[in-house]
Amino acid sequence: CCTSLGCRMGHPSDVHQCSSENHSVIPCTIKSTACSVLSNGRCATNGLCWNSESCQMDATCSISSNQNFDSL
């Protein structure tokens, strides 16, 4: 789901946002640090790389690796 914080699994206020995105023809875009574990991947949240197909754990997306999560 697109929020200013990226992915927040199971967060109550994001449930409405996610259901709205299902009806949109414009795809969600998270403008964050690129990650390499997935093709065209972007860091979605701490330790998680995301692309249009899937999500996968990625250490390059960890906050401790000094990535910029301000734009998530």
C-alpha atoms as a PDB file:
ATOM      1  CA  CYS A   1       0.000   0.000   0.000  1.00  0.00           C
ATOM      2  CA  CYS A   2       1.139   3.530  -0.668  1.00  0.00           C
ATOM      3  CA  THR A   3       1.484   5.737   2.340  1.00  0.00           C
ATOM      4  CA  SER A   4       4.179   8.200   3.251  1.00  0.00           C
ATOM      5  CA  LEU A   5       5.632   5.394   5.391  1.00  0.00           C
ATOM      6  CA  GLY A   6       5.627   2.651   2.747  1.00  0.00           C
ATOM      7  CA  CYS A   7       4.316  -0.746   3.856  1.00  0.00           C
ATOM      8  CA  ARG A   8       2.719  -1.139   7.265  1.00  0.00           C
ATOM      9  CA  MET A   9       1.453  -4.701   7.516  1.00  0.00           C
ATOM     10  CA  GLY A  10      -1.863  -5.008   9.343  1.00  0.00           C
ATOM     11  CA  HIS A  11      -2.074  -1.344  10.354  1.00  0.00           C
ATOM     12  CA  PRO A  12      -5.797  -0.467  10.763  1.00  0.00           C
ATOM     13  CA  SER A  13      -5.683   2.896   8.984  1.00  0.00           C
ATOM     14  CA  ASP A  14      -3.950   1.339   5.970  1.00  0.00           C
ATOM     15  CA  VAL A  15      -6.716  -1.218   5.381  1.00  0.00           C
ATOM     16  CA  HIS A  16      -8.924   1.478   3.838  1.00  0.00           C
ATOM     17  CA  GLN A  17      -6.027   2.806   1.724  1.00  0.00           C
ATOM     18  CA  CYS A  18      -5.254  -0.697   0.418  1.00  0.00           C
ATOM     19  CA  SER A  19      -8.845  -1.378  -0.552  1.00  0.00           C
ATOM     20  CA  SER A  20      -8.967   1.943  -2.428  1.00  0.00           C
ATOM     21  CA  GLU A  21      -5.786   1.094  -4.345  1.00  0.00           C
ATOM     22  CA  ASN A  22      -7.376  -2.119  -5.610  1.00  0.00           C
ATOM     23  CA  HIS A  23      -9.844   0.013  -7.603  1.00  0.00           C
ATOM     24  CA  SER A  24      -7.276   2.452  -9.024  1.00  0.00           C
ATOM     25  CA  VAL A  25      -5.829   2.140 -12.530  1.00  0.00           C
ATOM     26  CA  ILE A  26      -2.745   4.092 -11.408  1.00  0.00           C
ATOM     27  CA  PRO A  27      -0.155   1.804  -9.790  1.00  0.00           C
ATOM     28  CA  CYS A  28       1.290   2.551  -6.383  1.00  0.00           C
ATOM     29  CA  THR A  29       4.808   4.004  -6.425  1.00  0.00           C
ATOM     30  CA  ILE A  30       7.038   4.127  -3.370  1.00  0.00           C
ATOM     31  CA  LYS A  31       9.868   6.622  -3.815  1.00  0.00           C
ATOM     32  CA  SER A  32      12.566   5.139  -1.617  1.00  0.00           C
ATOM     33  CA  THR A  33      16.041   3.644  -1.787  1.00  0.00           C
ATOM     34  CA  ALA A  34      16.621   1.062  -4.526  1.00  0.00           C
ATOM     35  CA  CYS A  35      17.395  -2.505  -3.428  1.00  0.00           C
ATOM     36  CA  SER A  36      18.959  -5.244  -5.530  1.00  0.00           C
ATOM     37  CA  VAL A  37      17.427  -8.484  -4.249  1.00  0.00           C
ATOM     38  CA  LEU A  38      14.444  -7.981  -6.623  1.00  0.00           C
ATOM     39  CA  SER A  39      14.403  -6.598 -10.155  1.00  0.00           C
ATOM     40  CA  ASN A  40      13.406  -2.899  -9.965  1.00  0.00           C
ATOM     41  CA  GLY A  41      13.121  -3.304  -6.187  1.00  0.00           C
ATOM     42  CA  ARG A  42      12.621  -0.455  -3.723  1.00  0.00           C
ATOM     43  CA  CYS A  43      12.967  -0.516   0.060  1.00  0.00           C
ATOM     44  CA  ALA A  44       9.421  -0.642   1.392  1.00  0.00           C
ATOM     45  CA  THR A  45      10.192  -0.702   5.108  1.00  0.00           C
ATOM     46  CA  ASN A  46      12.950  -1.779   7.473  1.00  0.00           C
ATOM     47  CA  GLY A  47      14.500  -4.928   5.966  1.00  0.00           C
ATOM     48  CA  LEU A  48      11.946  -5.387   3.166  1.00  0.00           C
ATOM     49  CA  CYS A  49      12.518  -4.967  -0.579  1.00  0.00           C
ATOM     50  CA  TRP A  50       9.413  -4.579  -2.787  1.00  0.00           C
ATOM     51  CA  ASN A  51       8.624  -4.586  -6.493  1.00  0.00           C
ATOM     52  CA  SER A  52       5.374  -4.899  -8.459  1.00  0.00           C
ATOM     53  CA  GLU A  53       5.533  -8.705  -8.234  1.00  0.00           C
ATOM     54  CA  SER A  54       6.585  -9.496  -4.653  1.00  0.00           C
ATOM     55  CA  CYS A  55       8.358  -8.571  -1.429  1.00  0.00           C
ATOM     56  CA  GLN A  56      11.525 -10.119  -0.059  1.00  0.00           C
ATOM     57  CA  MET A  57      13.724  -9.584   2.995  1.00  0.00           C
ATOM     58  CA  ASP A  58      16.827  -7.533   2.138  1.00  0.00           C
ATOM     59  CA  ALA A  59      19.543  -6.396   4.555  1.00  0.00           C
ATOM     60  CA  THR A  60      20.309  -3.371   2.349  1.00  0.00           C
ATOM     61  CA  CYS A  61      16.909  -2.017   3.393  1.00  0.00           C
ATOM     62  CA  SER A  62      17.685  -2.161   7.097  1.00  0.00           C
ATOM     63  CA  ILE A  63      17.689   1.086   9.020  1.00  0.00           C
ATOM     64  CA  SER A  64      21.025   0.074  10.554  1.00  0.00           C
ATOM     65  CA  SER A  65      22.632   0.129   7.084  1.00  0.00           C
ATOM     66  CA  ASN A  66      22.030   3.924   7.043  1.00  0.00           C
ATOM     67  CA  GLN A  67      19.498   3.874   4.204  1.00  0.00           C
ATOM     68  CA  ASN A  68      17.246   6.890   3.756  1.00  0.00           C
ATOM     69  CA  PHE A  69      13.807   5.946   5.055  1.00  0.00           C
ATOM     70  CA  ASP A  70      12.572   9.538   5.362  1.00  0.00           C
ATOM     71  CA  SER A  71      10.748   9.235   2.036  1.00  0.00           C
ATOM     72  CA  LEU A  72       8.988   5.955   2.836  1.00  0.00           C
END
